[in-house]
Amino acid sequence: ASRQPDLVENLGLAFAAFSPDGTLLGLAY
């Protein structure tokens, strides 16, 4: 947000996914 404030306007979570072993969580906004 400090570098690209327009990009984080109206930001919302769209999708999430775990790694096969469930230790990492990828997040898409």
mmCIF file of all heavy atoms, coordinates in Angstrom:
data_MODEL
# 
_entry.id   MODEL 
# 
loop_
_atom_site.group_PDB 
_atom_site.id 
_atom_site.type_symbol 
_atom_site.label_atom_id 
_atom_site.label_alt_id 
_atom_site.label_comp_id 
_atom_site.label_asym_id 
_atom_site.label_entity_id 
_atom_site.label_seq_id 
_atom_site.pdbx_PDB_ins_code 
_atom_site.Cartn_x 
_atom_site.Cartn_y 
_atom_site.Cartn_z 
_atom_site.occupancy 
_atom_site.B_iso_or_equiv 
_atom_site.pdbx_formal_charge 
_atom_site.auth_seq_id 
_atom_site.auth_comp_id 
_atom_site.auth_asym_id 
_atom_site.auth_atom_id 
_atom_site.pdbx_PDB_model_num 
ATOM 1   N N   . ALA A 1 1  ? 0.827   -1.218  0.000  1.00 0.00 ? 1  ALA A N   1 
ATOM 2   C CA  . ALA A 1 1  ? 0.000   0.000   0.000  1.00 0.00 ? 1  ALA A CA  1 
ATOM 3   C C   . ALA A 1 1  ? 0.854   1.258   0.000  1.00 0.00 ? 1  ALA A C   1 
ATOM 4   O O   . ALA A 1 1  ? 0.467   2.280   -0.582 1.00 0.00 ? 1  ALA A O   1 
ATOM 5   C CB  . ALA A 1 1  ? -0.917  -0.010  1.219  1.00 0.00 ? 1  ALA A CB  1 
ATOM 6   N N   . SER A 1 2  ? 2.014   1.190   0.638  1.00 0.00 ? 2  SER A N   1 
ATOM 7   C CA  . SER A 1 2  ? 2.882   2.374   0.673  1.00 0.00 ? 2  SER A CA  1 
ATOM 8   C C   . SER A 1 2  ? 3.518   2.639   -0.686 1.00 0.00 ? 2  SER A C   1 
ATOM 9   O O   . SER A 1 2  ? 3.871   3.767   -0.994 1.00 0.00 ? 2  SER A O   1 
ATOM 10  C CB  . SER A 1 2  ? 3.970   2.188   1.736  1.00 0.00 ? 2  SER A CB  1 
ATOM 11  O OG  . SER A 1 2  ? 4.801   1.087   1.400  1.00 0.00 ? 2  SER A OG  1 
ATOM 12  N N   . ARG A 1 3  ? 3.654   1.590   -1.518 1.00 0.00 ? 3  ARG A N   1 
ATOM 13  C CA  . ARG A 1 3  ? 4.276   1.750   -2.829 1.00 0.00 ? 3  ARG A CA  1 
ATOM 14  C C   . ARG A 1 3  ? 3.250   1.928   -3.938 1.00 0.00 ? 3  ARG A C   1 
ATOM 15  O O   . ARG A 1 3  ? 3.466   2.683   -4.882 1.00 0.00 ? 3  ARG A O   1 
ATOM 16  C CB  . ARG A 1 3  ? 5.153   0.532   -3.140 1.00 0.00 ? 3  ARG A CB  1 
ATOM 17  C CG  . ARG A 1 3  ? 6.229   0.267   -2.118 1.00 0.00 ? 3  ARG A CG  1 
ATOM 18  C CD  . ARG A 1 3  ? 7.197   -0.823  -2.581 1.00 0.00 ? 3  ARG A CD  1 
ATOM 19  N NE  . ARG A 1 3  ? 6.524   -2.065  -2.927 1.00 0.00 ? 3  ARG A NE  1 
ATOM 20  C CZ  . ARG A 1 3  ? 6.248   -3.019  -2.051 1.00 0.00 ? 3  ARG A CZ  1 
ATOM 21  N NH1 . ARG A 1 3  ? 6.588   -2.865  -0.778 1.00 0.00 ? 3  ARG A NH1 1 
ATOM 22  N NH2 . ARG A 1 3  ? 5.641   -4.133  -2.427 1.00 0.00 ? 3  ARG A NH2 1 
ATOM 23  N N   . GLN A 1 4  ? 2.129   1.196   -3.866 1.00 0.00 ? 4  GLN A N   1 
ATOM 24  C CA  . GLN A 1 4  ? 1.093   1.251   -4.902 1.00 0.00 ? 4  GLN A CA  1 
ATOM 25  C C   . GLN A 1 4  ? -0.279  1.372   -4.240 1.00 0.00 ? 4  GLN A C   1 
ATOM 26  O O   . GLN A 1 4  ? -1.033  0.400   -4.174 1.00 0.00 ? 4  GLN A O   1 
ATOM 27  C CB  . GLN A 1 4  ? 1.152   -0.001  -5.784 1.00 0.00 ? 4  GLN A CB  1 
ATOM 28  C CG  . GLN A 1 4  ? 2.444   -0.162  -6.571 1.00 0.00 ? 4  GLN A CG  1 
ATOM 29  C CD  . GLN A 1 4  ? 2.483   -1.478  -7.330 1.00 0.00 ? 4  GLN A CD  1 
ATOM 30  O OE1 . GLN A 1 4  ? 2.918   -2.491  -6.810 1.00 0.00 ? 4  GLN A OE1 1 
ATOM 31  N NE2 . GLN A 1 4  ? 2.021   -1.455  -8.583 1.00 0.00 ? 4  GLN A NE2 1 
ATOM 32  N N   . PRO A 1 5  ? -0.602  2.548   -3.725 1.00 0.00 ? 5  PRO A N   1 
ATOM 33  C CA  . PRO A 1 5  ? -1.863  2.700   -2.978 1.00 0.00 ? 5  PRO A CA  1 
ATOM 34  C C   . PRO A 1 5  ? -3.101  2.374   -3.788 1.00 0.00 ? 5  PRO A C   1 
ATOM 35  O O   . PRO A 1 5  ? -4.079  1.851   -3.247 1.00 0.00 ? 5  PRO A O   1 
ATOM 36  C CB  . PRO A 1 5  ? -1.831  4.176   -2.545 1.00 0.00 ? 5  PRO A CB  1 
ATOM 37  C CG  . PRO A 1 5  ? -0.833  4.836   -3.442 1.00 0.00 ? 5  PRO A CG  1 
ATOM 38  C CD  . PRO A 1 5  ? 0.169   3.797   -3.793 1.00 0.00 ? 5  PRO A CD  1 
ATOM 39  N N   . ASP A 1 6  ? -3.088  2.650   -5.102 1.00 0.00 ? 6  ASP A N   1 
ATOM 40  C CA  . ASP A 1 6  ? -4.268  2.347   -5.926 1.00 0.00 ? 6  ASP A CA  1 
ATOM 41  C C   . ASP A 1 6  ? -4.540  0.853   -5.998 1.00 0.00 ? 6  ASP A C   1 
ATOM 42  O O   . ASP A 1 6  ? -5.692  0.427   -6.128 1.00 0.00 ? 6  ASP A O   1 
ATOM 43  C CB  . ASP A 1 6  ? -4.071  2.890   -7.352 1.00 0.00 ? 6  ASP A CB  1 
ATOM 44  C CG  . ASP A 1 6  ? -4.122  4.400   -7.402 1.00 0.00 ? 6  ASP A CG  1 
ATOM 45  O OD1 . ASP A 1 6  ? -4.527  5.002   -6.387 1.00 0.00 ? 6  ASP A OD1 1 
ATOM 46  O OD2 . ASP A 1 6  ? -3.734  4.976   -8.430 1.00 0.00 ? 6  ASP A OD2 1 
ATOM 47  N N   . LEU A 1 7  ? -3.481  0.055   -5.896 1.00 0.00 ? 7  LEU A N   1 
ATOM 48  C CA  . LEU A 1 7  ? -3.620  -1.382  -6.056 1.00 0.00 ? 7  LEU A CA  1 
ATOM 49  C C   . LEU A 1 7  ? -4.376  -2.023  -4.897 1.00 0.00 ? 7  LEU A C   1 
ATOM 50  O O   . LEU A 1 7  ? -5.059  -3.031  -5.069 1.00 0.00 ? 7  LEU A O   1 
ATOM 51  C CB  . LEU A 1 7  ? -2.240  -2.024  -6.205 1.00 0.00 ? 7  LEU A CB  1 
ATOM 52  C CG  . LEU A 1 7  ? -2.183  -3.444  -6.742 1.00 0.00 ? 7  LEU A CG  1 
ATOM 53  C CD1 . LEU A 1 7  ? -2.806  -3.532  -8.125 1.00 0.00 ? 7  LEU A CD1 1 
ATOM 54  C CD2 . LEU A 1 7  ? -0.745  -3.932  -6.782 1.00 0.00 ? 7  LEU A CD2 1 
ATOM 55  N N   . VAL A 1 8  ? -4.256  -1.456  -3.711 1.00 0.00 ? 8  VAL A N   1 
ATOM 56  C CA  . VAL A 1 8  ? -4.895  -2.067  -2.542 1.00 0.00 ? 8  VAL A CA  1 
ATOM 57  C C   . VAL A 1 8  ? -6.255  -1.436  -2.228 1.00 0.00 ? 8  VAL A C   1 
ATOM 58  O O   . VAL A 1 8  ? -6.851  -1.746  -1.197 1.00 0.00 ? 8  VAL A O   1 
ATOM 59  C CB  . VAL A 1 8  ? -3.966  -1.989  -1.306 1.00 0.00 ? 8  VAL A CB  1 
ATOM 60  C CG1 . VAL A 1 8  ? -2.709  -2.795  -1.537 1.00 0.00 ? 8  VAL A CG1 1 
ATOM 61  C CG2 . VAL A 1 8  ? -3.623  -0.553  -0.965 1.00 0.00 ? 8  VAL A CG2 1 
ATOM 62  N N   . GLU A 1 9  ? -6.747  -0.587  -3.116 1.00 0.00 ? 9  GLU A N   1 
ATOM 63  C CA  . GLU A 1 9  ? -8.104  -0.061  -2.940 1.00 0.00 ? 9  GLU A CA  1 
ATOM 64  C C   . GLU A 1 9  ? -9.115  -1.189  -3.150 1.00 0.00 ? 9  GLU A C   1 
ATOM 65  O O   . GLU A 1 9  ? -8.973  -2.009  -4.048 1.00 0.00 ? 9  GLU A O   1 
ATOM 66  C CB  . GLU A 1 9  ? -8.375  1.067   -3.938 1.00 0.00 ? 9  GLU A CB  1 
ATOM 67  C CG  . GLU A 1 9  ? -7.819  2.407   -3.509 1.00 0.00 ? 9  GLU A CG  1 
ATOM 68  C CD  . GLU A 1 9  ? -8.357  3.530   -4.379 1.00 0.00 ? 9  GLU A CD  1 
ATOM 69  O OE1 . GLU A 1 9  ? -9.521  3.425   -4.827 1.00 0.00 ? 9  GLU A OE1 1 
ATOM 70  O OE2 . GLU A 1 9  ? -7.618  4.500   -4.616 1.00 0.00 ? 9  GLU A OE2 1 
ATOM 71  N N   . ASN A 1 10 ? -10.140 -1.211  -2.318 1.00 0.00 ? 10 ASN A N   1 
ATOM 72  C CA  . ASN A 1 10 ? -11.204 -2.225  -2.410 1.00 0.00 ? 10 ASN A CA  1 
ATOM 73  C C   . ASN A 1 10 ? -10.646 -3.644  -2.392 1.00 0.00 ? 10 ASN A C   1 
ATOM 74  O O   . ASN A 1 10 ? -11.169 -4.542  -3.064 1.00 0.00 ? 10 ASN A O   1 
ATOM 75  C CB  . ASN A 1 10 ? -12.026 -2.019  -3.696 1.00 0.00 ? 10 ASN A CB  1 
ATOM 76  C CG  . ASN A 1 10 ? -12.535 -0.602  -3.828 1.00 0.00 ? 10 ASN A CG  1 
ATOM 77  O OD1 . ASN A 1 10 ? -13.091 -0.046  -2.888 1.00 0.00 ? 10 ASN A OD1 1 
ATOM 78  N ND2 . ASN A 1 10 ? -12.322 -0.004  -4.996 1.00 0.00 ? 10 ASN A ND2 1 
ATOM 79  N N   . LEU A 1 11 ? -9.570  -3.847  -1.643 1.00 0.00 ? 11 LEU A N   1 
ATOM 80  C CA  . LEU A 1 11 ? -8.897  -5.137  -1.633 1.00 0.00 ? 11 LEU A CA  1 
ATOM 81  C C   . LEU A 1 11 ? -9.753  -6.184  -0.912 1.00 0.00 ? 11 LEU A C   1 
ATOM 82  O O   . LEU A 1 11 ? -10.273 -5.924  0.171  1.00 0.00 ? 11 LEU A O   1 
ATOM 83  C CB  . LEU A 1 11 ? -7.539  -5.009  -0.937 1.00 0.00 ? 11 LEU A CB  1 
ATOM 84  C CG  . LEU A 1 11 ? -6.548  -6.136  -1.210 1.00 0.00 ? 11 LEU A CG  1 
ATOM 85  C CD1 . LEU A 1 11 ? -6.007  -6.033  -2.629 1.00 0.00 ? 11 LEU A CD1 1 
ATOM 86  C CD2 . LEU A 1 11 ? -5.392  -6.069  -0.225 1.00 0.00 ? 11 LEU A CD2 1 
ATOM 87  N N   . GLY A 1 12 ? -9.900  -7.348  -1.523 1.00 0.00 ? 12 GLY A N   1 
ATOM 88  C CA  . GLY A 1 12 ? -10.670 -8.430  -0.911 1.00 0.00 ? 12 GLY A CA  1 
ATOM 89  C C   . GLY A 1 12 ? -10.070 -9.780  -1.231 1.00 0.00 ? 12 GLY A C   1 
ATOM 90  O O   . GLY A 1 12 ? -9.486  -9.976  -2.303 1.00 0.00 ? 12 GLY A O   1 
ATOM 91  N N   . LEU A 1 13 ? -10.198 -10.716 -0.302 1.00 0.00 ? 13 LEU A N   1 
ATOM 92  C CA  . LEU A 1 13 ? -9.679  -12.060 -0.510 1.00 0.00 ? 13 LEU A CA  1 
ATOM 93  C C   . LEU A 1 13 ? -10.500 -12.772 -1.587 1.00 0.00 ? 13 LEU A C   1 
ATOM 94  O O   . LEU A 1 13 ? -11.724 -12.809 -1.528 1.00 0.00 ? 13 LEU A O   1 
ATOM 95  C CB  . LEU A 1 13 ? -9.734  -12.850 0.796  1.00 0.00 ? 13 LEU A CB  1 
ATOM 96  C CG  . LEU A 1 13 ? -9.206  -14.290 0.748  1.00 0.00 ? 13 LEU A CG  1 
ATOM 97  C CD1 . LEU A 1 13 ? -7.699  -14.299 0.532  1.00 0.00 ? 13 LEU A CD1 1 
ATOM 98  C CD2 . LEU A 1 13 ? -9.570  -15.032 2.024  1.00 0.00 ? 13 LEU A CD2 1 
ATOM 99  N N   . ALA A 1 14 ? -9.817  -13.346 -2.569 1.00 0.00 ? 14 ALA A N   1 
ATOM 100 C CA  . ALA A 1 14 ? -10.497 -14.062 -3.653 1.00 0.00 ? 14 ALA A CA  1 
ATOM 101 C C   . ALA A 1 14 ? -10.305 -15.561 -3.565 1.00 0.00 ? 14 ALA A C   1 
ATOM 102 O O   . ALA A 1 14 ? -11.222 -16.327 -3.873 1.00 0.00 ? 14 ALA A O   1 
ATOM 103 C CB  . ALA A 1 14 ? -9.969  -13.562 -5.008 1.00 0.00 ? 14 ALA A CB  1 
ATOM 104 N N   . PHE A 1 15 ? -9.138  -15.989 -3.151 1.00 0.00 ? 15 PHE A N   1 
ATOM 105 C CA  . PHE A 1 15 ? -8.851  -17.420 -3.174 1.00 0.00 ? 15 PHE A CA  1 
ATOM 106 C C   . PHE A 1 15 ? -7.704  -17.704 -2.218 1.00 0.00 ? 15 PHE A C   1 
ATOM 107 O O   . PHE A 1 15 ? -6.856  -16.840 -1.980 1.00 0.00 ? 15 PHE A O   1 
ATOM 108 C CB  . PHE A 1 15 ? -8.459  -17.857 -4.591 1.00 0.00 ? 15 PHE A CB  1 
ATOM 109 C CG  . PHE A 1 15 ? -8.351  -19.347 -4.769 1.00 0.00 ? 15 PHE A CG  1 
ATOM 110 C CD1 . PHE A 1 15 ? -9.475  -20.122 -4.935 1.00 0.00 ? 15 PHE A CD1 1 
ATOM 111 C CD2 . PHE A 1 15 ? -7.110  -19.970 -4.783 1.00 0.00 ? 15 PHE A CD2 1 
ATOM 112 C CE1 . PHE A 1 15 ? -9.387  -21.498 -5.103 1.00 0.00 ? 15 PHE A CE1 1 
ATOM 113 C CE2 . PHE A 1 15 ? -7.004  -21.341 -4.955 1.00 0.00 ? 15 PHE A CE2 1 
ATOM 114 C CZ  . PHE A 1 15 ? -8.151  -22.105 -5.115 1.00 0.00 ? 15 PHE A CZ  1 
ATOM 115 N N   . ALA A 1 16 ? -7.697  -18.900 -1.641 1.00 0.00 ? 16 ALA A N   1 
ATOM 116 C CA  . ALA A 1 16 ? -6.597  -19.355 -0.792 1.00 0.00 ? 16 ALA A CA  1 
ATOM 117 C C   . ALA A 1 16 ? -6.356  -20.823 -1.063 1.00 0.00 ? 16 ALA A C   1 
ATOM 118 O O   . ALA A 1 16 ? -7.270  -21.550 -1.466 1.00 0.00 ? 16 ALA A O   1 
ATOM 119 C CB  . ALA A 1 16 ? -6.909  -19.121 0.682  1.00 0.00 ? 16 ALA A CB  1 
ATOM 120 N N   . ALA A 1 17 ? -5.134  -21.259 -0.848 1.00 0.00 ? 17 ALA A N   1 
ATOM 121 C CA  . ALA A 1 17 ? -4.802  -22.672 -1.068 1.00 0.00 ? 17 ALA A CA  1 
ATOM 122 C C   . ALA A 1 17 ? -3.628  -23.055 -0.183 1.00 0.00 ? 17 ALA A C   1 
ATOM 123 O O   . ALA A 1 17 ? -2.698  -22.263 0.016  1.00 0.00 ? 17 ALA A O   1 
ATOM 124 C CB  . ALA A 1 17 ? -4.460  -22.935 -2.529 1.00 0.00 ? 17 ALA A CB  1 
ATOM 125 N N   . PHE A 1 18 ? -3.683  -24.279 0.347  1.00 0.00 ? 18 PHE A N   1 
ATOM 126 C CA  . PHE A 1 18 ? -2.618  -24.802 1.185  1.00 0.00 ? 18 PHE A CA  1 
ATOM 127 C C   . PHE A 1 18 ? -1.605  -25.571 0.340  1.00 0.00 ? 18 PHE A C   1 
ATOM 128 O O   . PHE A 1 18 ? -1.933  -26.101 -0.722 1.00 0.00 ? 18 PHE A O   1 
ATOM 129 C CB  . PHE A 1 18 ? -3.190  -25.767 2.229  1.00 0.00 ? 18 PHE A CB  1 
ATOM 130 C CG  . PHE A 1 18 ? -3.980  -25.111 3.329  1.00 0.00 ? 18 PHE A CG  1 
ATOM 131 C CD1 . PHE A 1 18 ? -5.348  -24.931 3.196  1.00 0.00 ? 18 PHE A CD1 1 
ATOM 132 C CD2 . PHE A 1 18 ? -3.365  -24.706 4.497  1.00 0.00 ? 18 PHE A CD2 1 
ATOM 133 C CE1 . PHE A 1 18 ? -6.104  -24.356 4.209  1.00 0.00 ? 18 PHE A CE1 1 
ATOM 134 C CE2 . PHE A 1 18 ? -4.097  -24.127 5.520  1.00 0.00 ? 18 PHE A CE2 1 
ATOM 135 C CZ  . PHE A 1 18 ? -5.462  -23.945 5.378  1.00 0.00 ? 18 PHE A CZ  1 
ATOM 136 N N   . SER A 1 19 ? -0.378  -25.679 0.854  1.00 0.00 ? 19 SER A N   1 
ATOM 137 C CA  . SER A 1 19 ? 0.597   -26.600 0.280  1.00 0.00 ? 19 SER A CA  1 
ATOM 138 C C   . SER A 1 19 ? 0.142   -28.030 0.573  1.00 0.00 ? 19 SER A C   1 
ATOM 139 O O   . SER A 1 19 ? -0.715  -28.251 1.432  1.00 0.00 ? 19 SER A O   1 
ATOM 140 C CB  . SER A 1 19 ? 1.981   -26.343 0.898  1.00 0.00 ? 19 SER A CB  1 
ATOM 141 O OG  . SER A 1 19 ? 1.942   -26.511 2.307  1.00 0.00 ? 19 SER A OG  1 
ATOM 142 N N   . PRO A 1 20 ? 0.682   -29.030 -0.134 1.00 0.00 ? 20 PRO A N   1 
ATOM 143 C CA  . PRO A 1 20 ? 0.223   -30.409 0.081  1.00 0.00 ? 20 PRO A CA  1 
ATOM 144 C C   . PRO A 1 20 ? 0.287   -30.872 1.532  1.00 0.00 ? 20 PRO A C   1 
ATOM 145 O O   . PRO A 1 20 ? -0.566  -31.629 1.978  1.00 0.00 ? 20 PRO A O   1 
ATOM 146 C CB  . PRO A 1 20 ? 1.168   -31.229 -0.804 1.00 0.00 ? 20 PRO A CB  1 
ATOM 147 C CG  . PRO A 1 20 ? 1.539   -30.304 -1.908 1.00 0.00 ? 20 PRO A CG  1 
ATOM 148 C CD  . PRO A 1 20 ? 1.628   -28.951 -1.263 1.00 0.00 ? 20 PRO A CD  1 
ATOM 149 N N   . ASP A 1 21 ? 1.306   -30.400 2.288  1.00 0.00 ? 21 ASP A N   1 
ATOM 150 C CA  . ASP A 1 21 ? 1.418   -30.819 3.688  1.00 0.00 ? 21 ASP A CA  1 
ATOM 151 C C   . ASP A 1 21 ? 0.707   -29.880 4.650  1.00 0.00 ? 21 ASP A C   1 
ATOM 152 O O   . ASP A 1 21 ? 0.765   -30.066 5.867  1.00 0.00 ? 21 ASP A O   1 
ATOM 153 C CB  . ASP A 1 21 ? 2.889   -30.953 4.090  1.00 0.00 ? 21 ASP A CB  1 
ATOM 154 C CG  . ASP A 1 21 ? 3.655   -29.639 3.976  1.00 0.00 ? 21 ASP A CG  1 
ATOM 155 O OD1 . ASP A 1 21 ? 3.036   -28.617 3.605  1.00 0.00 ? 21 ASP A OD1 1 
ATOM 156 O OD2 . ASP A 1 21 ? 4.867   -29.634 4.247  1.00 0.00 ? 21 ASP A OD2 1 
ATOM 157 N N   . GLY A 1 22 ? 0.016   -28.869 4.132  1.00 0.00 ? 22 GLY A N   1 
ATOM 158 C CA  . GLY A 1 22 ? -0.775  -27.983 4.979  1.00 0.00 ? 22 GLY A CA  1 
ATOM 159 C C   . GLY A 1 22 ? 0.015   -26.993 5.799  1.00 0.00 ? 22 GLY A C   1 
ATOM 160 O O   . GLY A 1 22 ? -0.535  -26.378 6.715  1.00 0.00 ? 22 GLY A O   1 
ATOM 161 N N   . THR A 1 23 ? 1.298   -26.765 5.478  1.00 0.00 ? 23 THR A N   1 
ATOM 162 C CA  . THR A 1 23 ? 2.118   -25.861 6.288  1.00 0.00 ? 23 THR A CA  1 
ATOM 163 C C   . THR A 1 23 ? 2.244   -24.463 5.692  1.00 0.00 ? 23 THR A C   1 
ATOM 164 O O   . THR A 1 23 ? 2.668   -23.540 6.380  1.00 0.00 ? 23 THR A O   1 
ATOM 165 C CB  . THR A 1 23 ? 3.522   -26.436 6.481  1.00 0.00 ? 23 THR A CB  1 
ATOM 166 O OG1 . THR A 1 23 ? 4.137   -26.628 5.200  1.00 0.00 ? 23 THR A OG1 1 
ATOM 167 C CG2 . THR A 1 23 ? 3.465   -27.775 7.207  1.00 0.00 ? 23 THR A CG2 1 
ATOM 168 N N   . LEU A 1 24 ? 1.914   -24.292 4.421  1.00 0.00 ? 24 LEU A N   1 
ATOM 169 C CA  . LEU A 1 24 ? 1.962   -22.979 3.767  1.00 0.00 ? 24 LEU A CA  1 
ATOM 170 C C   . LEU A 1 24 ? 0.584   -22.642 3.227  1.00 0.00 ? 24 LEU A C   1 
ATOM 171 O O   . LEU A 1 24 ? -0.136  -23.517 2.749  1.00 0.00 ? 24 LEU A O   1 
ATOM 172 C CB  . LEU A 1 24 ? 2.971   -22.976 2.615  1.00 0.00 ? 24 LEU A CB  1 
ATOM 173 C CG  . LEU A 1 24 ? 4.461   -23.050 2.964  1.00 0.00 ? 24 LEU A CG  1 
ATOM 174 C CD1 . LEU A 1 24 ? 5.269   -23.229 1.697  1.00 0.00 ? 24 LEU A CD1 1 
ATOM 175 C CD2 . LEU A 1 24 ? 4.908   -21.798 3.698  1.00 0.00 ? 24 LEU A CD2 1 
ATOM 176 N N   . LEU A 1 25 ? 0.248   -21.365 3.307  1.00 0.00 ? 25 LEU A N   1 
ATOM 177 C CA  . LEU A 1 25 ? -1.044  -20.905 2.798  1.00 0.00 ? 25 LEU A CA  1 
ATOM 178 C C   . LEU A 1 25 ? -0.804  -19.804 1.776  1.00 0.00 ? 25 LEU A C   1 
ATOM 179 O O   . LEU A 1 25 ? -0.233  -18.755 2.098  1.00 0.00 ? 25 LEU A O   1 
ATOM 180 C CB  . LEU A 1 25 ? -1.908  -20.377 3.946  1.00 0.00 ? 25 LEU A CB  1 
ATOM 181 C CG  . LEU A 1 25 ? -3.319  -19.900 3.566  1.00 0.00 ? 25 LEU A CG  1 
ATOM 182 C CD1 . LEU A 1 25 ? -4.157  -21.062 3.043  1.00 0.00 ? 25 LEU A CD1 1 
ATOM 183 C CD2 . LEU A 1 25 ? -3.999  -19.250 4.770  1.00 0.00 ? 25 LEU A CD2 1 
ATOM 184 N N   . GLY A 1 26 ? -1.200  -20.062 0.531  1.00 0.00 ? 26 GLY A N   1 
ATOM 185 C CA  . GLY A 1 26 ? -1.141  -19.044 -0.506 1.00 0.00 ? 26 GLY A CA  1 
ATOM 186 C C   . GLY A 1 26 ? -2.439  -18.254 -0.534 1.00 0.00 ? 26 GLY A C   1 
ATOM 187 O O   . GLY A 1 26 ? -3.521  -18.828 -0.414 1.00 0.00 ? 26 GLY A O   1 
ATOM 188 N N   . LEU A 1 27 ? -2.328  -16.941 -0.699 1.00 0.00 ? 27 LEU A N   1 
ATOM 189 C CA  . LEU A 1 27 ? -3.501  -16.066 -0.646 1.00 0.00 ? 27 LEU A CA  1 
ATOM 190 C C   . LEU A 1 27 ? -3.544  -15.183 -1.884 1.00 0.00 ? 27 LEU A C   1 
ATOM 191 O O   . LEU A 1 27 ? -2.535  -14.579 -2.263 1.00 0.00 ? 27 LEU A O   1 
ATOM 192 C CB  . LEU A 1 27 ? -3.439  -15.190 0.609  1.00 0.00 ? 27 LEU A CB  1 
ATOM 193 C CG  . LEU A 1 27 ? -3.467  -15.970 1.932  1.00 0.00 ? 27 LEU A CG  1 
ATOM 194 C CD1 . LEU A 1 27 ? -2.719  -15.231 3.012  1.00 0.00 ? 27 LEU A CD1 1 
ATOM 195 C CD2 . LEU A 1 27 ? -4.889  -16.220 2.358  1.00 0.00 ? 27 LEU A CD2 1 
ATOM 196 N N   . ALA A 1 28 ? -4.720  -15.123 -2.516 1.00 0.00 ? 28 ALA A N   1 
ATOM 197 C CA  . ALA A 1 28 ? -4.925  -14.284 -3.694 1.00 0.00 ? 28 ALA A CA  1 
ATOM 198 C C   . ALA A 1 28 ? -5.980  -13.234 -3.370 1.00 0.00 ? 28 ALA A C   1 
ATOM 199 O O   . ALA A 1 28 ? -7.046  -13.559 -2.830 1.00 0.00 ? 28 ALA A O   1 
ATOM 200 C CB  . ALA A 1 28 ? -5.375  -15.128 -4.879 1.00 0.00 ? 28 ALA A CB  1 
ATOM 201 N N   . TYR A 1 29 ? -5.676  -11.986 -3.688 1.00 0.00 ? 29 TYR A N   1 
ATOM 202 C CA  . TYR A 1 29 ? -6.578  -10.864 -3.424 1.00 0.00 ? 29 TYR A CA  1 
ATOM 203 C C   . TYR A 1 29 ? -6.889  -10.148 -4.732 1.00 0.00 ? 29 TYR A C   1 
ATOM 204 O O   . TYR A 1 29 ? -6.085  -10.144 -5.677 1.00 0.00 ? 29 TYR A O   1 
ATOM 205 C CB  . TYR A 1 29 ? -5.934  -9.854  -2.473 1.00 0.00 ? 29 TYR A CB  1 
ATOM 206 C CG  . TYR A 1 29 ? -5.579  -10.385 -1.117 1.00 0.00 ? 29 TYR A CG  1 
ATOM 207 C CD1 . TYR A 1 29 ? -4.369  -11.053 -0.902 1.00 0.00 ? 29 TYR A CD1 1 
ATOM 208 C CD2 . TYR A 1 29 ? -6.424  -10.216 -0.022 1.00 0.00 ? 29 TYR A CD2 1 
ATOM 209 C CE1 . TYR A 1 29 ? -4.030  -11.529 0.349  1.00 0.00 ? 29 TYR A CE1 1 
ATOM 210 C CE2 . TYR A 1 29 ? -6.088  -10.693 1.232  1.00 0.00 ? 29 TYR A CE2 1 
ATOM 211 C CZ  . TYR A 1 29 ? -4.894  -11.354 1.406  1.00 0.00 ? 29 TYR A CZ  1 
ATOM 212 O OH  . TYR A 1 29 ? -4.555  -11.830 2.647  1.00 0.00 ? 29 TYR A OH  1 
# 
